Protein backbone atom coordinates (compact mmCIF):
# COMPACT_ATOMS: atom_id res chain seq x y z
CA MET A 1 27.52 -78.34 78.62
CA ASN A 2 24.38 -76.36 78.73
CA GLN A 3 26.31 -73.10 78.36
CA LEU A 4 28.04 -74.72 75.31
CA ALA A 5 24.79 -76.02 73.77
CA ALA A 6 23.21 -72.42 74.16
CA ALA A 7 26.33 -70.86 72.67
CA SER A 8 26.27 -73.36 69.67
CA ALA A 9 22.68 -72.92 69.06
CA GLU A 10 23.14 -69.16 69.01
CA SER A 11 26.08 -69.28 66.64
CA GLY A 12 24.94 -72.24 64.62
CA ALA A 13 27.99 -74.18 65.21
CA SER A 14 27.63 -77.82 66.25
CA THR A 15 29.06 -79.25 69.55
CA LEU A 16 31.40 -81.58 67.57
CA ALA A 17 32.81 -78.73 65.52
CA VAL A 18 33.57 -76.67 68.78
CA TRP A 19 35.20 -79.62 70.37
CA SER A 20 37.17 -80.57 67.21
CA ALA A 21 38.55 -76.91 67.15
CA LEU A 22 39.17 -77.04 70.84
CA SER A 23 41.24 -80.27 70.36
CA ALA A 24 43.31 -78.71 67.76
CA VAL A 25 44.10 -75.67 69.93
CA TYR A 26 44.88 -78.06 72.93
CA VAL A 27 47.42 -80.25 71.16
CA ILE A 28 48.93 -78.03 68.42
CA TRP A 29 49.21 -74.91 70.60
CA GLY A 30 50.72 -77.09 73.40
CA SER A 31 53.54 -78.13 71.00
CA THR A 32 54.30 -74.71 69.52
CA TYR A 33 55.93 -73.62 72.76
CA LEU A 34 58.83 -76.02 72.23
CA ALA A 35 58.97 -75.28 68.53
CA ILE A 36 59.21 -71.61 69.37
CA ARG A 37 62.21 -72.31 71.70
CA PHE A 38 63.84 -74.44 68.98
CA THR A 39 63.27 -71.52 66.30
CA VAL A 40 64.78 -68.71 68.49
CA GLU A 41 67.89 -70.77 69.10
CA THR A 42 69.56 -69.49 65.80
CA THR A 43 66.95 -67.00 64.51
CA PRO A 44 65.86 -63.61 65.88
CA PRO A 45 62.51 -63.91 67.76
CA PHE A 46 60.53 -61.16 66.10
CA LEU A 47 61.92 -61.67 62.82
CA SER A 48 61.25 -65.18 62.56
CA ALA A 49 57.61 -64.66 64.00
CA ALA A 50 56.98 -61.97 61.47
CA ALA A 51 58.01 -64.11 58.51
CA ARG A 52 55.86 -66.92 59.38
CA PHE A 53 52.74 -64.85 59.98
CA ILE A 54 53.23 -62.76 56.85
CA ILE A 55 53.58 -66.10 54.68
CA SER A 56 50.55 -67.77 56.41
CA GLY A 57 48.37 -64.72 56.49
CA GLY A 58 49.11 -63.82 53.01
CA PHE A 59 48.21 -67.37 51.73
CA LEU A 60 44.93 -67.50 53.82
CA TYR A 61 43.80 -64.08 52.58
CA LEU A 62 44.54 -64.58 48.93
CA TRP A 63 43.23 -68.06 48.93
CA ARG A 64 39.80 -67.31 50.40
CA ARG A 65 39.42 -64.20 48.39
CA ALA A 66 40.12 -66.20 45.28
CA ALA A 67 37.62 -68.82 46.58
CA GLY A 68 34.95 -66.17 46.57
CA ASP A 69 34.91 -64.89 50.13
CA PRO A 70 33.55 -61.42 50.35
CA GLN A 71 35.78 -58.40 50.35
CA PRO A 72 36.09 -57.06 54.02
CA THR A 73 34.94 -53.38 54.51
CA GLN A 74 37.34 -50.72 55.86
CA SER A 75 36.09 -51.18 59.33
CA GLU A 76 36.34 -54.94 59.30
CA TRP A 77 40.02 -54.51 58.09
CA ARG A 78 40.68 -52.05 60.93
CA ASN A 79 39.07 -54.31 63.57
CA ALA A 80 40.88 -57.41 62.42
CA SER A 81 44.26 -55.61 62.25
CA ILE A 82 43.81 -54.41 65.98
CA VAL A 83 43.10 -57.90 66.90
CA GLY A 84 46.14 -59.15 64.97
CA ILE A 85 48.43 -56.68 66.61
CA LEU A 86 47.17 -57.39 70.18
CA LEU A 87 47.34 -61.20 69.68
CA LEU A 88 50.54 -61.64 67.64
CA VAL A 89 52.69 -58.49 68.61
CA GLY A 90 51.68 -58.05 72.21
CA GLY A 91 50.82 -61.71 73.04
CA ASN A 92 52.85 -64.03 70.77
CA GLY A 93 55.62 -61.57 70.53
CA GLY A 94 56.24 -61.61 74.18
CA VAL A 95 56.19 -65.32 74.16
CA VAL A 96 58.80 -65.64 71.37
CA TRP A 97 61.16 -63.10 72.84
CA ALA A 98 60.98 -64.93 76.31
CA ALA A 99 61.77 -68.15 74.62
CA GLN A 100 65.36 -67.16 74.69
CA TYR A 101 65.51 -67.12 78.40
CA ILE A 102 62.88 -69.54 80.07
CA PRO A 103 61.82 -73.21 79.19
CA SER A 104 58.95 -73.79 76.99
CA SER A 105 57.06 -75.40 79.70
CA PHE A 106 57.42 -72.23 81.79
CA SER A 107 55.85 -70.16 79.05
CA ALA A 108 52.97 -72.61 78.64
CA LEU A 109 52.22 -72.55 82.43
CA LEU A 110 52.57 -68.61 82.74
CA VAL A 111 50.08 -68.23 79.96
CA ALA A 112 47.60 -69.58 82.31
CA THR A 113 47.02 -66.15 83.51
CA VAL A 114 45.11 -65.60 80.24
CA PRO A 115 41.69 -66.81 81.54
CA LEU A 116 41.89 -64.45 84.69
CA TRP A 117 42.31 -61.42 82.29
CA MET A 118 39.75 -62.71 79.78
CA LEU A 119 36.97 -63.09 82.47
CA LEU A 120 37.91 -59.60 83.91
CA PHE A 121 37.88 -57.92 80.65
CA ASP A 122 34.68 -59.81 79.48
CA ALA A 123 32.91 -58.78 82.74
CA ALA A 124 34.06 -55.14 82.40
CA ARG A 125 32.79 -54.64 78.81
CA PRO A 126 29.19 -53.33 78.25
CA GLY A 127 26.94 -56.45 78.05
CA GLY A 128 29.55 -58.84 79.35
CA GLU A 129 29.05 -61.83 81.46
CA SER A 130 30.09 -61.84 84.99
CA PRO A 131 32.10 -64.83 86.13
CA SER A 132 30.77 -67.22 88.69
CA ALA A 133 32.32 -67.58 92.11
CA LYS A 134 33.45 -71.20 91.08
CA ALA A 135 35.04 -69.82 87.90
CA LEU A 136 36.96 -67.04 89.91
CA ILE A 137 38.13 -69.61 92.62
CA GLY A 138 39.45 -71.86 89.72
CA ILE A 139 41.22 -68.96 87.97
CA LEU A 140 42.84 -68.07 91.27
CA ILE A 141 44.17 -71.58 91.92
CA GLY A 142 45.58 -71.45 88.46
CA PHE A 143 47.25 -68.16 89.11
CA CYS A 144 48.89 -69.55 92.14
CA GLY A 145 50.53 -72.02 89.95
CA THR A 146 52.09 -69.23 87.90
CA ALA A 147 53.15 -67.51 91.01
CA LEU A 148 55.27 -70.37 91.99
CA LEU A 149 57.02 -70.18 88.65
CA ILE A 150 57.67 -66.65 89.00
CA GLY A 151 59.06 -67.22 92.30
CA TRP A 152 61.44 -69.63 90.98
CA THR A 153 62.86 -67.04 88.49
CA THR A 154 63.28 -64.59 91.40
CA GLY A 155 64.95 -67.17 93.63
CA GLY A 156 67.30 -69.39 91.64
CA ALA A 157 67.52 -68.17 88.07
CA THR A 158 69.02 -65.35 86.17
CA ALA A 159 67.72 -61.82 85.60
CA LYS A 160 66.93 -62.56 82.16
CA SER A 161 64.82 -65.56 83.26
CA PHE A 162 62.77 -63.17 85.50
CA HIS A 163 62.40 -60.75 82.66
CA GLY A 164 61.25 -63.56 80.33
CA ALA A 165 58.66 -64.54 82.99
CA LEU A 166 57.32 -61.09 83.20
CA ALA A 167 57.40 -60.67 79.37
CA VAL A 168 54.99 -63.71 79.12
CA THR A 169 52.81 -62.42 81.93
CA VAL A 170 52.39 -58.97 80.10
CA ALA A 171 51.82 -61.01 76.94
CA SER A 172 49.10 -62.87 78.42
CA VAL A 173 47.21 -59.54 79.14
CA PHE A 174 47.59 -58.47 75.52
CA TRP A 175 46.32 -61.89 74.38
CA ALA A 176 43.20 -61.49 76.56
CA MET A 177 42.55 -58.07 75.25
CA GLY A 178 42.88 -59.26 71.60
CA SER A 179 40.56 -62.25 72.28
CA ILE A 180 37.73 -60.18 73.98
CA TYR A 181 37.99 -57.48 71.27
CA GLY A 182 37.84 -60.12 68.59
CA LYS A 183 34.83 -61.55 70.06
CA THR A 184 33.05 -58.30 70.39
CA SER A 185 34.10 -56.27 67.37
CA ARG A 186 32.68 -56.63 63.74
CA LEU A 187 35.05 -58.72 61.79
CA PRO A 188 34.87 -60.15 58.15
CA SER A 189 32.27 -62.72 57.81
CA SER A 190 34.99 -65.39 56.72
CA PRO A 191 36.88 -66.57 59.64
CA LEU A 192 39.79 -67.43 57.26
CA VAL A 193 39.88 -63.94 55.66
CA SER A 194 39.77 -62.49 59.27
CA THR A 195 42.73 -64.65 60.45
CA GLY A 196 44.56 -63.78 57.21
CA ILE A 197 44.23 -59.99 57.93
CA GLN A 198 45.27 -60.65 61.63
CA MET A 199 48.36 -62.36 60.55
CA LEU A 200 49.37 -59.95 57.91
CA SER A 201 48.90 -56.91 60.24
CA GLY A 202 50.60 -58.66 63.30
CA GLY A 203 53.44 -59.88 61.07
CA ALA A 204 53.80 -56.43 59.57
CA VAL A 205 54.16 -54.76 62.94
CA GLN A 206 56.57 -57.53 64.20
CA PHE A 207 58.94 -56.76 61.25
CA LEU A 208 58.93 -53.18 62.53
CA VAL A 209 59.69 -54.27 66.01
CA ALA A 210 62.49 -56.53 64.70
CA PHE A 211 63.90 -53.50 62.68
CA LEU A 212 63.83 -51.33 65.73
CA LEU A 213 65.56 -54.00 67.90
CA GLY A 214 68.40 -54.38 65.34
CA GLU A 215 67.35 -58.15 64.47
CA PHE A 216 67.96 -57.72 60.74
CA GLY A 217 71.72 -56.91 61.44
CA ARG A 218 71.96 -60.01 63.67
CA PHE A 219 70.34 -62.35 61.15
CA ASP A 220 72.48 -64.84 59.27
CA LEU A 221 71.06 -67.36 57.06
CA SER A 222 74.08 -69.64 57.19
CA GLU A 223 73.78 -69.97 60.88
CA ILE A 224 70.27 -71.33 61.30
CA SER A 225 70.37 -74.80 62.34
CA SER A 226 68.28 -77.59 60.95
CA ARG A 227 66.24 -77.90 64.15
CA SER A 228 65.38 -74.15 64.05
CA ALA A 229 64.45 -74.59 60.36
CA MET A 230 62.20 -77.47 61.05
CA ALA A 231 60.61 -75.90 64.00
CA TRP A 232 59.93 -72.83 62.00
CA VAL A 233 58.24 -74.77 59.13
CA TYR A 234 56.07 -76.56 61.86
CA LEU A 235 54.92 -73.28 63.21
CA THR A 236 54.25 -71.71 59.87
CA LEU A 237 52.29 -74.61 58.57
CA ILE A 238 50.74 -76.53 61.48
CA GLY A 239 50.62 -73.73 63.87
CA THR A 240 48.38 -71.77 61.55
CA VAL A 241 45.65 -74.48 61.85
CA ALA A 242 45.51 -73.78 65.66
CA PHE A 243 45.22 -70.05 65.24
CA VAL A 244 42.52 -70.41 62.64
CA ALA A 245 40.58 -72.83 65.15
CA TYR A 246 41.11 -70.28 67.97
CA ALA A 247 39.77 -67.40 66.01
CA TRP A 248 36.70 -69.48 65.11
CA LEU A 249 36.18 -70.45 68.71
CA LEU A 250 36.13 -66.83 69.83
CA ARG A 251 33.07 -66.22 67.63
CA ASN A 252 31.43 -69.57 68.28
CA ALA A 253 32.07 -70.79 71.76
CA PRO A 254 31.64 -69.47 75.45
CA ILE A 255 34.81 -67.12 76.71
CA PRO A 256 35.19 -69.52 79.77
CA LEU A 257 35.30 -72.73 77.65
CA VAL A 258 37.78 -71.14 75.08
CA ALA A 259 39.96 -70.00 77.86
CA THR A 260 40.40 -73.77 78.93
CA TYR A 261 43.03 -74.16 76.24
CA SER A 262 45.60 -72.52 78.54
CA TYR A 263 45.24 -75.33 81.25
CA VAL A 264 45.64 -78.13 78.70
CA ASN A 265 48.46 -76.69 76.78
CA PRO A 266 50.89 -76.79 79.68
CA LEU A 267 50.44 -80.57 79.91
CA VAL A 268 51.53 -81.01 76.28
CA ALA A 269 54.29 -78.47 76.76
CA ILE A 270 55.71 -80.04 79.83
CA LEU A 271 55.84 -83.34 78.25
CA LEU A 272 57.27 -82.39 75.11
CA GLY A 273 59.87 -80.12 76.93
CA TYR A 274 60.95 -83.08 79.12
CA PHE A 275 60.98 -85.64 76.48
CA LEU A 276 62.16 -83.67 73.37
CA GLY A 277 63.65 -80.54 74.71
CA ARG A 278 65.47 -81.95 77.84
CA GLU A 279 63.79 -79.35 80.00
CA ILE A 280 63.78 -79.54 83.75
CA MET A 281 60.86 -81.15 85.67
CA ASN A 282 61.04 -80.99 89.44
CA PRO A 283 58.36 -81.07 92.18
CA ARG A 284 58.03 -77.20 92.05
CA ILE A 285 56.92 -77.59 88.41
CA LEU A 286 54.60 -80.40 88.89
CA LEU A 287 52.93 -78.69 91.69
CA ALA A 288 52.46 -75.61 89.54
CA ALA A 289 51.03 -77.70 86.83
CA ALA A 290 48.71 -79.56 89.13
CA LEU A 291 47.25 -76.13 90.12
CA VAL A 292 46.79 -74.62 86.83
CA VAL A 293 45.32 -77.88 85.23
CA GLY A 294 43.21 -78.86 88.16
CA SER A 295 41.55 -75.48 88.25
CA VAL A 296 40.05 -76.07 84.76
CA ALA A 297 37.27 -78.16 86.38
CA LEU A 298 36.07 -75.10 88.41
CA VAL A 299 36.38 -72.72 85.42
CA SER A 300 34.52 -75.00 83.18
CA LEU A 301 31.54 -75.35 85.43
CA PRO A 302 28.51 -73.41 84.26
CA LYS A 303 26.95 -70.89 86.63
CA LYS A 304 23.54 -72.04 88.09
CA SER A 305 20.56 -70.32 86.77
């Protein structure tokens, strides 16, 4: 809490605001894994993601500019676009593609590698903060949980499941890179304008990826199921709230605290996947979940002075 209080005092954000934003990220993002799986059942992954980010990003940007938020400079546009491409193309893109082949709970647990990469990248940058021994131990424990899942895909699952697991792991690296870059680069002063630019840029590149992968030719509006359509609307409207909260947290909260979302999201994803998505829940998955969720205590502990 001392670390959070210090960061809050420096940024001007209240502790209540930080925890409210964290709660939104915890719960909403935990539910988006299953929503993504439902969406890609009958719609191409990159095309569906690009459409919702373009719509959400365009609304946020135009709304805040009309409300009087300042016009971003050229460098702020560039930096926000880089963040958007790293987070939404490299990060979210890998998750939506993998949702075709692995359960949503698997994706949520594999994203637990994000804190490891975030801490490493944060420590490597000039002026970055070195992680404590307790934080590193906690991250490694969580990584052991992800190793269990990847081991499952190599043992009893299909090759596509293994490729999906690798895609989410690589996506976690991109997400961590975008998170650190977003925390350290000069972005628009308005968080919502910044988020709008990130979504517009990421969505535009995802459209390009969808075109290169031939998704436009496979898209048929008449074949979209009602479940996929409802899930896409949920991601477009409610999922945007979590993304805005995450972008705000990167500027106003300590990196180790922000990284804890990846330990809470799996709990939500596992429960929703089991009860609503009829996904498997066996001792191996529960052990992996216990490892990654239990490690949050060590990661969250502040370093001693």
